[in-house]
Amino acid sequence: MSPVRNQLVGMIDCLPEADQILLVEIVRRFIPDDVATPDDIIAHNQSVEEYRRGETVSLETLGL
């Protein structure tokens, strides 16, 4: 772990839980909403494979 990260972890551990909850909300504001989560990536890969196997079709194919 980097020195800065170690320092942050130590500071967070000193905070009461109620303040840690507030800190989580603050940190979330710095994380972009459009970042794919591991679950997003898994779902995307599954859908691509289903499409390749012909198990799904595009909306364009359906005329939608």
C-alpha atoms as a PDB file:
ATOM      1  CA  MET A   1       0.000   0.000   0.000  1.00  0.00           C
ATOM      2  CA  SER A   2       1.262   3.504  -0.759  1.00  0.00           C
ATOM      3  CA  PRO A   3       2.201   5.829   2.108  1.00  0.00           C
ATOM      4  CA  VAL A   4      -0.715   8.136   1.324  1.00  0.00           C
ATOM      5  CA  ARG A   5      -3.138   5.218   1.295  1.00  0.00           C
ATOM      6  CA  ASN A   6      -1.755   3.963   4.619  1.00  0.00           C
ATOM      7  CA  GLN A   7      -2.216   7.415   6.089  1.00  0.00           C
ATOM      8  CA  LEU A   8      -5.810   7.596   4.844  1.00  0.00           C
ATOM      9  CA  VAL A   9      -6.646   4.165   6.236  1.00  0.00           C
ATOM     10  CA  GLY A  10      -5.198   5.142   9.603  1.00  0.00           C
ATOM     11  CA  MET A  11      -7.227   8.351   9.664  1.00  0.00           C
ATOM     12  CA  ILE A  12     -10.430   6.569   8.687  1.00  0.00           C
ATOM     13  CA  ASP A  13      -9.917   3.967  11.394  1.00  0.00           C
ATOM     14  CA  CYS A  14      -9.804   6.787  13.976  1.00  0.00           C
ATOM     15  CA  LEU A  15     -13.201   8.170  12.962  1.00  0.00           C
ATOM     16  CA  PRO A  16     -16.451   7.139  14.632  1.00  0.00           C
ATOM     17  CA  GLU A  17     -18.677   5.010  12.392  1.00  0.00           C
ATOM     18  CA  ALA A  18     -21.182   7.838  11.838  1.00  0.00           C
ATOM     19  CA  ASP A  19     -18.392  10.012  10.431  1.00  0.00           C
ATOM     20  CA  GLN A  20     -17.121   7.128   8.305  1.00  0.00           C
ATOM     21  CA  ILE A  21     -20.574   6.895   6.700  1.00  0.00           C
ATOM     22  CA  LEU A  22     -20.437  10.598   5.891  1.00  0.00           C
ATOM     23  CA  LEU A  23     -16.944  10.184   4.461  1.00  0.00           C
ATOM     24  CA  VAL A  24     -18.170   7.398   2.171  1.00  0.00           C
ATOM     25  CA  GLU A  25     -20.789   9.748   0.731  1.00  0.00           C
ATOM     26  CA  ILE A  26     -18.182  12.447   0.163  1.00  0.00           C
ATOM     27  CA  VAL A  27     -15.752  10.061  -1.559  1.00  0.00           C
ATOM     28  CA  ARG A  28     -18.538   8.726  -3.827  1.00  0.00           C
ATOM     29  CA  ARG A  29     -18.827  12.215  -5.315  1.00  0.00           C
ATOM     30  CA  PHE A  30     -15.283  11.876  -6.663  1.00  0.00           C
ATOM     31  CA  ILE A  31     -15.979   8.552  -8.410  1.00  0.00           C
ATOM     32  CA  PRO A  32     -17.456   8.922 -11.911  1.00  0.00           C
ATOM     33  CA  ASP A  33     -20.909   7.404 -12.424  1.00  0.00           C
ATOM     34  CA  ASP A  34     -19.987   5.967 -15.800  1.00  0.00           C
ATOM     35  CA  VAL A  35     -17.303   3.574 -14.568  1.00  0.00           C
ATOM     36  CA  ALA A  36     -18.145  -0.029 -15.361  1.00  0.00           C
ATOM     37  CA  THR A  37     -18.335  -2.255 -12.314  1.00  0.00           C
ATOM     38  CA  PRO A  38     -17.085  -5.861 -12.398  1.00  0.00           C
ATOM     39  CA  ASP A  39     -20.749  -6.960 -12.613  1.00  0.00           C
ATOM     40  CA  ASP A  40     -21.297  -4.611 -15.585  1.00  0.00           C
ATOM     41  CA  ILE A  41     -18.347  -6.142 -17.409  1.00  0.00           C
ATOM     42  CA  ILE A  42     -19.552  -9.693 -16.729  1.00  0.00           C
ATOM     43  CA  ALA A  43     -23.078  -8.839 -17.950  1.00  0.00           C
ATOM     44  CA  HIS A  44     -21.676  -7.207 -21.089  1.00  0.00           C
ATOM     45  CA  ASN A  45     -19.452 -10.191 -21.896  1.00  0.00           C
ATOM     46  CA  GLN A  46     -22.364 -12.592 -21.363  1.00  0.00           C
ATOM     47  CA  SER A  47     -24.614 -10.598 -23.669  1.00  0.00           C
ATOM     48  CA  VAL A  48     -21.931 -10.489 -26.393  1.00  0.00           C
ATOM     49  CA  GLU A  49     -21.519 -14.273 -26.186  1.00  0.00           C
ATOM     50  CA  GLU A  50     -25.302 -14.812 -26.305  1.00  0.00           C
ATOM     51  CA  TYR A  51     -25.482 -12.613 -29.401  1.00  0.00           C
ATOM     52  CA  ARG A  52     -22.614 -14.503 -31.075  1.00  0.00           C
ATOM     53  CA  ARG A  53     -24.423 -17.802 -30.426  1.00  0.00           C
ATOM     54  CA  GLY A  54     -27.616 -16.383 -31.948  1.00  0.00           C
ATOM     55  CA  GLU A  55     -29.487 -16.533 -28.640  1.00  0.00           C
ATOM     56  CA  THR A  56     -30.387 -12.848 -28.832  1.00  0.00           C
ATOM     57  CA  VAL A  57     -30.969 -10.421 -31.661  1.00  0.00           C
ATOM     58  CA  SER A  58     -30.549  -6.677 -31.977  1.00  0.00           C
ATOM     59  CA  LEU A  59     -33.526  -4.344 -31.684  1.00  0.00           C
ATOM     60  CA  GLU A  60     -32.771  -3.241 -35.239  1.00  0.00           C
ATOM     61  CA  THR A  61     -33.339  -6.796 -36.458  1.00  0.00           C
ATOM     62  CA  LEU A  62     -36.732  -6.742 -34.762  1.00  0.00           C
ATOM     63  CA  GLY A  63     -37.577  -3.427 -36.390  1.00  0.00           C
ATOM     64  CA  LEU A  64     -37.606  -1.565 -33.079  1.00  0.00           C
END
